Amino acid sequence: MSYAKVAIRYATSFLEASIEKNILDQAASDMEIILNAIDGSSLLRRFLENPVVKTDLKKSIINEIFRKHVSAETLKFIEFIVDKNRENALKEIAEKFLDLKDEHIGVARVDIKSAFELSIEQKKIIEQKFESLLNKKVVANYTVDENVIGGFVAKVKDTVYDASVSHQLELLRQQLLKGSLLLN
C-alpha cells in the first residue's frame, strides 16, 4: 500500500520542526536508524502493520526498542505517529524525511554501477560531472555489476543516466535500423 501523501505530510512536518530546533543532523541519523531497523526486521514491520495491537502497547514497545538509539524528539515524533494510527507508514515517512533533508541541504544521492571497480580519480571525475549537472553536492554509492559491459550506469532518484557501452551499442543499432528503413 502506498503511503506517499501521508509520508510527505509527516516527513515535512518533522523536517520543519528539526530545522527550527536545530537538530536536523540528529533527526536524520535517527531516521536512518529507524529505517534500517524496519528494513532489517520483518517482525518489526508486521508489528507496526498489525491493527489488533493497542496504541499504548505499540508505543511502549517502540519506546523500548528505540529509546537508547534515537533522541527524545524523534521518539516523541514516532509516538505522535502511533497516536495518529500512521505507524504502518513509518518506513515511508523515514525515507521521505531523508529525501527532504537531502533536498534541503542541497545533496543528491547517486547510485553508480560499473563493470569493474573504478579508481579514485575516475570516481572524482564522475562526481564532479554530476555536481555540475545537478548543481548539488553529490554523495555517490558505487557498486560493481558485471552486466554493465563498460562505462557506468548512474541513478539519481527516478532518473537513469546510462553511459554504458551496451547502451551506446543499442543506440547505434537503433540508428542503423532507422537508417536502413530510410534507404528502402
N, C-alpha and C. Protein backbone atom coordinates (compact mmCIF):
# COMPACT_ATOMS: atom_id res chain seq x y z
N MET A 1 0.84 -1.18 0.00
CA MET A 1 0.00 0.00 0.00
C MET A 1 0.89 1.25 0.00
N SER A 2 0.50 2.23 -0.76
CA SER A 2 1.27 3.47 -0.86
C SER A 2 0.81 4.48 0.18
N TYR A 3 1.78 4.97 0.91
CA TYR A 3 1.51 5.99 1.92
C TYR A 3 2.20 7.29 1.54
N ALA A 4 2.30 7.57 0.25
CA ALA A 4 3.07 8.71 -0.24
C ALA A 4 2.58 10.04 0.34
N LYS A 5 1.29 10.31 0.29
CA LYS A 5 0.77 11.59 0.78
C LYS A 5 0.97 11.72 2.29
N VAL A 6 0.72 10.65 3.00
CA VAL A 6 0.90 10.65 4.45
C VAL A 6 2.38 10.87 4.77
N ALA A 7 3.25 10.17 4.06
CA ALA A 7 4.69 10.28 4.31
C ALA A 7 5.17 11.70 4.07
N ILE A 8 4.73 12.32 2.99
CA ILE A 8 5.16 13.69 2.70
C ILE A 8 4.71 14.64 3.81
N ARG A 9 3.47 14.51 4.24
CA ARG A 9 2.93 15.41 5.26
C ARG A 9 3.70 15.29 6.57
N TYR A 10 3.87 14.05 7.06
CA TYR A 10 4.55 13.86 8.34
C TYR A 10 6.04 14.15 8.24
N ALA A 11 6.67 13.74 7.16
CA ALA A 11 8.11 13.98 6.99
C ALA A 11 8.40 15.48 6.90
N THR A 12 7.56 16.20 6.17
CA THR A 12 7.73 17.65 6.05
C THR A 12 7.58 18.32 7.41
N SER A 13 6.60 17.89 8.16
CA SER A 13 6.36 18.45 9.49
C SER A 13 7.56 18.22 10.40
N PHE A 14 8.09 17.00 10.40
CA PHE A 14 9.23 16.68 11.27
C PHE A 14 10.49 17.39 10.79
N LEU A 15 10.65 17.53 9.48
CA LEU A 15 11.81 18.25 8.93
C LEU A 15 11.77 19.71 9.39
N GLU A 16 10.63 20.35 9.25
CA GLU A 16 10.50 21.75 9.66
C GLU A 16 10.76 21.93 11.15
N ALA A 17 10.24 21.01 11.96
CA ALA A 17 10.47 21.08 13.41
C ALA A 17 11.95 20.86 13.73
N SER A 18 12.59 19.96 13.02
CA SER A 18 14.02 19.67 13.24
C SER A 18 14.88 20.87 12.88
N ILE A 19 14.54 21.53 11.79
CA ILE A 19 15.28 22.72 11.37
C ILE A 19 15.09 23.83 12.41
N GLU A 20 13.84 24.01 12.82
CA GLU A 20 13.52 25.06 13.79
C GLU A 20 14.26 24.84 15.12
N LYS A 21 14.35 23.59 15.56
CA LYS A 21 15.01 23.26 16.83
C LYS A 21 16.51 23.03 16.67
N ASN A 22 17.01 23.16 15.43
CA ASN A 22 18.43 22.98 15.11
C ASN A 22 18.93 21.58 15.47
N ILE A 23 18.14 20.57 15.15
CA ILE A 23 18.51 19.18 15.42
C ILE A 23 18.42 18.32 14.15
N LEU A 24 18.58 18.95 13.00
CA LEU A 24 18.39 18.24 11.73
C LEU A 24 19.33 17.04 11.58
N ASP A 25 20.60 17.22 11.90
CA ASP A 25 21.55 16.10 11.75
C ASP A 25 21.18 14.93 12.65
N GLN A 26 20.81 15.23 13.90
CA GLN A 26 20.42 14.18 14.83
C GLN A 26 19.14 13.48 14.35
N ALA A 27 18.17 14.26 13.88
CA ALA A 27 16.92 13.68 13.40
C ALA A 27 17.17 12.79 12.18
N ALA A 28 18.06 13.23 11.28
CA ALA A 28 18.37 12.42 10.11
C ALA A 28 19.05 11.12 10.51
N SER A 29 19.97 11.19 11.45
CA SER A 29 20.63 9.98 11.95
C SER A 29 19.60 9.04 12.58
N ASP A 30 18.68 9.60 13.36
CA ASP A 30 17.63 8.79 13.98
C ASP A 30 16.75 8.12 12.93
N MET A 31 16.39 8.86 11.89
CA MET A 31 15.54 8.29 10.84
C MET A 31 16.26 7.17 10.09
N GLU A 32 17.56 7.29 9.92
CA GLU A 32 18.32 6.20 9.29
C GLU A 32 18.29 4.96 10.18
N ILE A 33 18.41 5.14 11.48
CA ILE A 33 18.35 4.01 12.42
C ILE A 33 16.98 3.34 12.33
N ILE A 34 15.93 4.14 12.33
CA ILE A 34 14.57 3.61 12.25
C ILE A 34 14.35 2.87 10.93
N LEU A 35 14.79 3.48 9.84
CA LEU A 35 14.64 2.86 8.52
C LEU A 35 15.40 1.54 8.45
N ASN A 36 16.62 1.50 8.95
CA ASN A 36 17.40 0.26 8.95
C ASN A 36 16.75 -0.81 9.82
N ALA A 37 16.17 -0.40 10.95
CA ALA A 37 15.50 -1.36 11.83
C ALA A 37 14.28 -1.97 11.13
N ILE A 38 13.50 -1.13 10.48
CA ILE A 38 12.30 -1.63 9.79
C ILE A 38 12.69 -2.51 8.60
N ASP A 39 13.69 -2.06 7.83
CA ASP A 39 14.15 -2.87 6.68
C ASP A 39 14.73 -4.20 7.14
N GLY A 40 15.37 -4.21 8.29
CA GLY A 40 16.07 -5.40 8.75
C GLY A 40 15.24 -6.37 9.55
N SER A 41 14.01 -6.01 9.88
CA SER A 41 13.21 -6.89 10.72
C SER A 41 11.78 -7.03 10.20
N SER A 42 11.49 -8.18 9.66
CA SER A 42 10.13 -8.44 9.19
C SER A 42 9.17 -8.49 10.38
N LEU A 43 9.67 -8.91 11.54
CA LEU A 43 8.85 -8.96 12.76
C LEU A 43 8.41 -7.55 13.16
N LEU A 44 9.34 -6.58 13.09
CA LEU A 44 9.00 -5.18 13.41
C LEU A 44 7.99 -4.63 12.40
N ARG A 45 8.19 -4.94 11.12
CA ARG A 45 7.25 -4.49 10.09
C ARG A 45 5.85 -5.02 10.35
N ARG A 46 5.76 -6.31 10.64
CA ARG A 46 4.44 -6.91 10.91
C ARG A 46 3.81 -6.32 12.16
N PHE A 47 4.63 -6.06 13.17
CA PHE A 47 4.14 -5.45 14.41
C PHE A 47 3.56 -4.06 14.13
N LEU A 48 4.27 -3.26 13.36
CA LEU A 48 3.80 -1.91 13.05
C LEU A 48 2.52 -1.92 12.22
N GLU A 49 2.38 -2.92 11.37
CA GLU A 49 1.21 -3.01 10.48
C GLU A 49 0.01 -3.69 11.14
N ASN A 50 0.20 -4.28 12.31
CA ASN A 50 -0.86 -5.05 12.97
C ASN A 50 -1.89 -4.12 13.63
N PRO A 51 -3.11 -4.10 13.11
CA PRO A 51 -4.14 -3.21 13.67
C PRO A 51 -4.72 -3.72 15.00
N VAL A 52 -4.45 -4.96 15.36
CA VAL A 52 -5.01 -5.54 16.57
C VAL A 52 -4.28 -5.06 17.82
N VAL A 53 -2.98 -4.78 17.68
CA VAL A 53 -2.18 -4.34 18.83
C VAL A 53 -2.62 -2.92 19.22
N LYS A 54 -2.91 -2.74 20.49
CA LYS A 54 -3.39 -1.45 21.01
C LYS A 54 -2.29 -0.38 20.92
N THR A 55 -2.72 0.86 20.79
CA THR A 55 -1.83 2.01 20.63
C THR A 55 -0.84 2.12 21.79
N ASP A 56 -1.32 1.97 23.02
CA ASP A 56 -0.44 2.10 24.19
C ASP A 56 0.64 1.02 24.20
N LEU A 57 0.27 -0.20 23.82
CA LEU A 57 1.25 -1.28 23.76
C LEU A 57 2.27 -1.02 22.66
N LYS A 58 1.82 -0.53 21.50
CA LYS A 58 2.74 -0.21 20.42
C LYS A 58 3.73 0.87 20.85
N LYS A 59 3.22 1.92 21.49
CA LYS A 59 4.10 3.00 21.95
C LYS A 59 5.11 2.48 22.96
N SER A 60 4.68 1.63 23.85
CA SER A 60 5.55 1.06 24.88
C SER A 60 6.67 0.22 24.24
N ILE A 61 6.30 -0.62 23.29
CA ILE A 61 7.29 -1.49 22.65
C ILE A 61 8.23 -0.67 21.77
N ILE A 62 7.71 0.28 21.04
CA ILE A 62 8.55 1.16 20.21
C ILE A 62 9.52 1.93 21.09
N ASN A 63 9.03 2.42 22.23
CA ASN A 63 9.88 3.13 23.18
C ASN A 63 11.01 2.22 23.66
N GLU A 64 10.66 0.99 23.97
CA GLU A 64 11.65 0.03 24.45
C GLU A 64 12.71 -0.27 23.37
N ILE A 65 12.27 -0.38 22.14
CA ILE A 65 13.19 -0.69 21.03
C ILE A 65 14.13 0.48 20.73
N PHE A 66 13.59 1.68 20.68
CA PHE A 66 14.36 2.81 20.15
C PHE A 66 14.91 3.80 21.17
N ARG A 67 14.49 3.77 22.42
CA ARG A 67 14.85 4.85 23.35
C ARG A 67 16.36 5.00 23.56
N LYS A 68 17.12 3.92 23.44
CA LYS A 68 18.58 4.01 23.62
C LYS A 68 19.29 4.38 22.32
N HIS A 69 18.56 4.43 21.22
CA HIS A 69 19.18 4.62 19.91
C HIS A 69 18.83 5.93 19.22
N VAL A 70 17.70 6.53 19.62
CA VAL A 70 17.28 7.78 18.97
C VAL A 70 17.02 8.85 20.04
N SER A 71 16.97 10.09 19.59
CA SER A 71 16.77 11.22 20.51
C SER A 71 15.34 11.23 21.04
N ALA A 72 15.15 11.98 22.12
CA ALA A 72 13.83 12.11 22.73
C ALA A 72 12.85 12.77 21.76
N GLU A 73 13.33 13.74 20.97
CA GLU A 73 12.47 14.42 19.99
C GLU A 73 11.94 13.43 18.95
N THR A 74 12.82 12.59 18.46
CA THR A 74 12.42 11.60 17.45
C THR A 74 11.45 10.59 18.05
N LEU A 75 11.73 10.18 19.28
CA LEU A 75 10.83 9.23 19.95
C LEU A 75 9.44 9.84 20.14
N LYS A 76 9.37 11.12 20.50
CA LYS A 76 8.08 11.80 20.62
C LYS A 76 7.36 11.84 19.27
N PHE A 77 8.13 12.08 18.22
CA PHE A 77 7.54 12.11 16.87
C PHE A 77 6.96 10.74 16.51
N ILE A 78 7.69 9.68 16.79
CA ILE A 78 7.19 8.33 16.49
C ILE A 78 5.92 8.04 17.30
N GLU A 79 5.93 8.43 18.57
CA GLU A 79 4.74 8.22 19.39
C GLU A 79 3.55 9.01 18.84
N PHE A 80 3.81 10.21 18.33
CA PHE A 80 2.77 11.01 17.70
C PHE A 80 2.19 10.27 16.49
N ILE A 81 3.07 9.69 15.69
CA ILE A 81 2.63 8.92 14.52
C ILE A 81 1.75 7.74 14.96
N VAL A 82 2.15 7.06 16.02
CA VAL A 82 1.36 5.94 16.53
C VAL A 82 0.01 6.44 17.04
N ASP A 83 0.00 7.58 17.74
CA ASP A 83 -1.27 8.15 18.23
C ASP A 83 -2.23 8.44 17.08
N LYS A 84 -1.68 8.81 15.94
CA LYS A 84 -2.50 9.12 14.76
C LYS A 84 -2.79 7.87 13.92
N ASN A 85 -2.40 6.70 14.41
CA ASN A 85 -2.60 5.43 13.70
C ASN A 85 -1.93 5.41 12.33
N ARG A 86 -0.73 5.99 12.23
CA ARG A 86 0.02 6.02 10.98
C ARG A 86 1.33 5.25 11.07
N GLU A 87 1.46 4.40 12.09
CA GLU A 87 2.71 3.66 12.27
C GLU A 87 3.01 2.72 11.11
N ASN A 88 1.99 2.31 10.38
CA ASN A 88 2.21 1.45 9.21
C ASN A 88 2.91 2.21 8.08
N ALA A 89 2.97 3.53 8.17
CA ALA A 89 3.65 4.35 7.16
C ALA A 89 5.00 4.85 7.66
N LEU A 90 5.47 4.34 8.79
CA LEU A 90 6.72 4.85 9.39
C LEU A 90 7.92 4.69 8.46
N LYS A 91 8.00 3.58 7.77
CA LYS A 91 9.12 3.36 6.84
C LYS A 91 9.12 4.44 5.75
N GLU A 92 7.96 4.67 5.14
CA GLU A 92 7.85 5.66 4.08
C GLU A 92 8.11 7.07 4.61
N ILE A 93 7.68 7.33 5.83
CA ILE A 93 7.92 8.65 6.44
C ILE A 93 9.42 8.86 6.63
N ALA A 94 10.11 7.85 7.13
CA ALA A 94 11.55 7.95 7.35
C ALA A 94 12.28 8.16 6.01
N GLU A 95 11.89 7.40 4.99
CA GLU A 95 12.52 7.56 3.66
C GLU A 95 12.29 8.97 3.12
N LYS A 96 11.07 9.45 3.22
CA LYS A 96 10.73 10.78 2.70
C LYS A 96 11.46 11.86 3.49
N PHE A 97 11.57 11.69 4.79
CA PHE A 97 12.29 12.65 5.62
C PHE A 97 13.74 12.77 5.14
N LEU A 98 14.38 11.64 4.90
CA LEU A 98 15.78 11.66 4.45
C LEU A 98 15.91 12.30 3.06
N ASP A 99 14.94 12.05 2.18
CA ASP A 99 14.94 12.70 0.87
C ASP A 99 14.78 14.21 1.00
N LEU A 100 13.85 14.62 1.83
CA LEU A 100 13.60 16.05 2.03
C LEU A 100 14.81 16.74 2.69
N LYS A 101 15.46 16.03 3.61
CA LYS A 101 16.65 16.59 4.25
C LYS A 101 17.75 16.81 3.22
N ASP A 102 17.97 15.82 2.35
CA ASP A 102 18.98 15.96 1.29
C ASP A 102 18.65 17.14 0.39
N GLU A 103 17.39 17.26 0.04
CA GLU A 103 16.96 18.37 -0.81
C GLU A 103 17.20 19.71 -0.10
N HIS A 104 16.91 19.75 1.18
CA HIS A 104 17.07 20.99 1.96
C HIS A 104 18.54 21.43 2.04
N ILE A 105 19.44 20.48 2.20
CA ILE A 105 20.86 20.84 2.33
C ILE A 105 21.60 20.83 1.00
N GLY A 106 20.89 20.52 -0.10
CA GLY A 106 21.49 20.57 -1.43
C GLY A 106 22.37 19.39 -1.76
N VAL A 107 21.92 18.21 -1.38
CA VAL A 107 22.67 16.98 -1.64
C VAL A 107 21.87 16.09 -2.58
N ALA A 108 22.58 15.48 -3.53
CA ALA A 108 21.95 14.49 -4.42
C ALA A 108 22.65 13.15 -4.20
N ARG A 109 21.88 12.12 -3.98
CA ARG A 109 22.44 10.77 -3.82
C ARG A 109 22.42 10.09 -5.18
N VAL A 110 23.58 9.59 -5.59
CA VAL A 110 23.72 8.97 -6.90
C VAL A 110 24.23 7.54 -6.71
N ASP A 111 23.49 6.58 -7.26
CA ASP A 111 23.92 5.18 -7.26
C ASP A 111 24.57 4.91 -8.60
N ILE A 112 25.83 4.47 -8.56
CA ILE A 112 26.60 4.26 -9.79
C ILE A 112 27.05 2.81 -9.86
N LYS A 113 26.68 2.16 -11.00
CA LYS A 113 27.10 0.78 -11.26
C LYS A 113 28.10 0.79 -12.40
N SER A 114 29.16 0.03 -12.23
CA SER A 114 30.15 -0.11 -13.29
C SER A 114 30.56 -1.58 -13.38
N ALA A 115 31.18 -1.93 -14.50
CA ALA A 115 31.57 -3.33 -14.72
C ALA A 115 32.74 -3.74 -13.83
N PHE A 116 33.52 -2.77 -13.38
CA PHE A 116 34.69 -3.05 -12.55
C PHE A 116 34.85 -1.92 -11.54
N GLU A 117 35.69 -2.14 -10.55
CA GLU A 117 35.93 -1.13 -9.52
C GLU A 117 36.59 0.09 -10.16
N LEU A 118 35.99 1.25 -9.96
CA LEU A 118 36.53 2.49 -10.51
C LEU A 118 37.66 3.01 -9.62
N SER A 119 38.61 3.67 -10.25
CA SER A 119 39.70 4.27 -9.48
C SER A 119 39.20 5.52 -8.76
N ILE A 120 39.95 5.97 -7.80
CA ILE A 120 39.59 7.19 -7.06
C ILE A 120 39.49 8.37 -8.02
N GLU A 121 40.40 8.43 -8.98
CA GLU A 121 40.40 9.50 -9.97
C GLU A 121 39.12 9.46 -10.83
N GLN A 122 38.73 8.27 -11.28
CA GLN A 122 37.52 8.12 -12.08
C GLN A 122 36.28 8.51 -11.28
N LYS A 123 36.23 8.10 -10.02
CA LYS A 123 35.11 8.44 -9.15
C LYS A 123 35.01 9.96 -8.99
N LYS A 124 36.14 10.58 -8.79
CA LYS A 124 36.17 12.03 -8.60
C LYS A 124 35.64 12.75 -9.84
N ILE A 125 36.05 12.30 -11.02
CA ILE A 125 35.60 12.91 -12.28
C ILE A 125 34.09 12.75 -12.45
N ILE A 126 33.59 11.54 -12.19
CA ILE A 126 32.15 11.28 -12.31
C ILE A 126 31.37 12.15 -11.33
N GLU A 127 31.83 12.23 -10.10
CA GLU A 127 31.14 13.03 -9.09
C GLU A 127 31.14 14.51 -9.47
N GLN A 128 32.25 15.01 -10.00
CA GLN A 128 32.31 16.41 -10.43
C GLN A 128 31.32 16.67 -11.57
N LYS A 129 31.23 15.74 -12.51
CA LYS A 129 30.28 15.89 -13.63
C LYS A 129 28.85 15.97 -13.10
N PHE A 130 28.51 15.08 -12.17
CA PHE A 130 27.16 15.09 -11.64
C PHE A 130 26.89 16.32 -10.77
N GLU A 131 27.89 16.79 -10.05
CA GLU A 131 27.71 18.01 -9.26
C GLU A 131 27.40 19.20 -10.17
N SER A 132 28.09 19.29 -11.30
CA SER A 132 27.81 20.40 -12.21
C SER A 132 26.48 20.19 -12.94
N LEU A 133 26.14 18.95 -13.26
CA LEU A 133 24.88 18.66 -13.93
C LEU A 133 23.68 18.93 -13.02
N LEU A 134 23.77 18.50 -11.77
CA LEU A 134 22.65 18.59 -10.83
C LEU A 134 22.68 19.88 -10.00
N ASN A 135 23.82 20.54 -10.02
CA ASN A 135 24.01 21.76 -9.23
C ASN A 135 23.78 21.50 -7.74
N LYS A 136 24.27 20.34 -7.29
CA LYS A 136 24.17 19.92 -5.89
C LYS A 136 25.43 19.16 -5.51
N LYS A 137 25.68 19.06 -4.23
CA LYS A 137 26.76 18.21 -3.75
C LYS A 137 26.31 16.77 -3.95
N VAL A 138 27.22 15.96 -4.45
CA VAL A 138 26.89 14.57 -4.76
C VAL A 138 27.45 13.63 -3.70
N VAL A 139 26.60 12.73 -3.25
CA VAL A 139 27.03 11.62 -2.39
C VAL A 139 26.81 10.37 -3.24
N ALA A 140 27.91 9.74 -3.63
CA ALA A 140 27.82 8.62 -4.57
C ALA A 140 27.97 7.29 -3.84
N ASN A 141 27.21 6.33 -4.32
CA ASN A 141 27.28 4.95 -3.84
C ASN A 141 27.67 4.09 -5.04
N TYR A 142 28.84 3.46 -4.97
CA TYR A 142 29.36 2.69 -6.10
C TYR A 142 29.17 1.20 -5.88
N THR A 143 28.74 0.51 -6.95
CA THR A 143 28.66 -0.94 -6.92
C THR A 143 29.21 -1.49 -8.23
N VAL A 144 29.68 -2.70 -8.17
CA VAL A 144 30.18 -3.37 -9.37
C VAL A 144 29.10 -4.31 -9.88
N ASP A 145 28.79 -4.20 -11.17
CA ASP A 145 27.78 -5.04 -11.81
C ASP A 145 28.36 -5.52 -13.13
N GLU A 146 28.64 -6.80 -13.22
CA GLU A 146 29.29 -7.34 -14.41
C GLU A 146 28.40 -7.29 -15.65
N ASN A 147 27.12 -7.02 -15.47
CA ASN A 147 26.22 -6.88 -16.62
C ASN A 147 26.45 -5.58 -17.38
N VAL A 148 27.09 -4.62 -16.72
CA VAL A 148 27.46 -3.37 -17.38
C VAL A 148 28.76 -3.67 -18.12
N ILE A 149 28.71 -3.69 -19.45
CA ILE A 149 29.86 -4.12 -20.24
C ILE A 149 31.04 -3.17 -20.08
N GLY A 150 30.80 -1.91 -20.08
CA GLY A 150 31.83 -0.90 -19.91
C GLY A 150 31.14 0.40 -19.59
N GLY A 151 31.87 1.38 -19.12
CA GLY A 151 31.25 2.64 -18.74
C GLY A 151 30.55 2.49 -17.41
N PHE A 152 29.44 3.21 -17.23
CA PHE A 152 28.71 3.13 -15.97
C PHE A 152 27.24 3.47 -16.20
N VAL A 153 26.43 3.11 -15.21
CA VAL A 153 25.01 3.47 -15.19
C VAL A 153 24.79 4.15 -13.84
N ALA A 154 24.26 5.38 -13.90
CA ALA A 154 24.02 6.13 -12.67
C ALA A 154 22.53 6.38 -12.51
N LYS A 155 22.08 6.35 -11.25
CA LYS A 155 20.67 6.60 -10.97
C LYS A 155 20.56 7.67 -9.89
N VAL A 156 19.81 8.72 -10.20
CA VAL A 156 19.51 9.79 -9.26
C VAL A 156 17.99 9.82 -9.11
N LYS A 157 17.51 9.42 -7.93
CA LYS A 157 16.07 9.26 -7.70
C LYS A 157 15.47 8.37 -8.79
N ASP A 158 14.62 8.92 -9.66
CA ASP A 158 13.98 8.11 -10.71
C ASP A 158 14.64 8.27 -12.07
N THR A 159 15.72 9.04 -12.16
CA THR A 159 16.37 9.30 -13.44
C THR A 159 17.60 8.42 -13.58
N VAL A 160 17.71 7.76 -14.73
CA VAL A 160 18.86 6.90 -15.01
C VAL A 160 19.71 7.54 -16.09
N TYR A 161 21.00 7.62 -15.83
CA TYR A 161 21.98 8.11 -16.80
C TYR A 161 22.80 6.90 -17.22
N ASP A 162 22.59 6.45 -18.44
CA ASP A 162 23.24 5.23 -18.91
C ASP A 162 24.40 5.58 -19.83
N ALA A 163 25.60 5.50 -19.30
CA ALA A 163 26.81 5.76 -20.08
C ALA A 163 27.58 4.45 -20.27
N SER A 164 26.83 3.37 -20.40
CA SER A 164 27.47 2.06 -20.57
C SER A 164 27.69 1.78 -22.05
N VAL A 165 28.64 0.93 -22.32
CA VAL A 165 28.93 0.53 -23.70
C VAL A 165 27.73 -0.20 -24.30
N SER A 166 27.08 -1.04 -23.51
CA SER A 166 25.92 -1.79 -24.03
C SER A 166 24.81 -0.83 -24.46
N HIS A 167 24.61 0.24 -23.70
CA HIS A 167 23.59 1.22 -24.07
C HIS A 167 23.98 1.95 -25.35
N GLN A 168 25.25 2.32 -25.46
CA GLN A 168 25.72 3.01 -26.66
C GLN A 168 25.58 2.12 -27.89
N LEU A 169 25.88 0.82 -27.72
CA LEU A 169 25.71 -0.12 -28.83
C LEU A 169 24.24 -0.25 -29.23
N GLU A 170 23.36 -0.25 -28.26
CA GLU A 170 21.92 -0.32 -28.54
C GLU A 170 21.46 0.92 -29.30
N LEU A 171 21.93 2.09 -28.89
CA LEU A 171 21.59 3.32 -29.60
C LEU A 171 22.10 3.27 -31.05
N LEU A 172 23.31 2.78 -31.23
CA LEU A 172 23.88 2.65 -32.57
C LEU A 172 23.05 1.68 -33.41
N ARG A 173 22.65 0.55 -32.82
CA ARG A 173 21.82 -0.44 -33.52
C ARG A 173 20.51 0.19 -33.98
N GLN A 174 19.89 0.97 -33.09
CA GLN A 174 18.63 1.63 -33.43
C GLN A 174 18.81 2.63 -34.57
N GLN A 175 19.92 3.37 -34.55
CA GLN A 175 20.18 4.33 -35.61
C GLN A 175 20.41 3.61 -36.94
N LEU A 176 21.12 2.49 -36.89
CA LEU A 176 21.36 1.73 -38.12
C LEU A 176 20.06 1.17 -38.67
N LEU A 177 19.20 0.68 -37.80
CA LEU A 177 17.91 0.17 -38.24
C LEU A 177 17.07 1.28 -38.82
N LYS A 178 17.08 2.42 -38.20
CA LYS A 178 16.31 3.56 -38.70
C LYS A 178 16.87 4.00 -40.06
N GLY A 179 18.19 3.99 -40.18
CA GLY A 179 18.82 4.36 -41.44
C GLY A 179 18.49 3.39 -42.55
N SER A 180 18.43 2.09 -42.23
CA SER A 180 18.11 1.11 -43.26
C SER A 180 16.66 1.24 -43.69
N LEU A 181 15.80 1.67 -42.77
CA LEU A 181 14.39 1.88 -43.12
C LEU A 181 14.26 3.08 -44.08
N LEU A 182 15.07 4.09 -43.87
CA LEU A 182 15.02 5.26 -44.71
C LEU A 182 15.54 4.96 -46.11
N LEU A 183 16.45 4.00 -46.25
CA LEU A 183 17.01 3.65 -47.56
C LEU A 183 16.01 2.88 -48.41
N ASN A 184 15.08 2.19 -47.79
CA ASN A 184 14.11 1.36 -48.53
C ASN A 184 13.03 2.19 -49.13
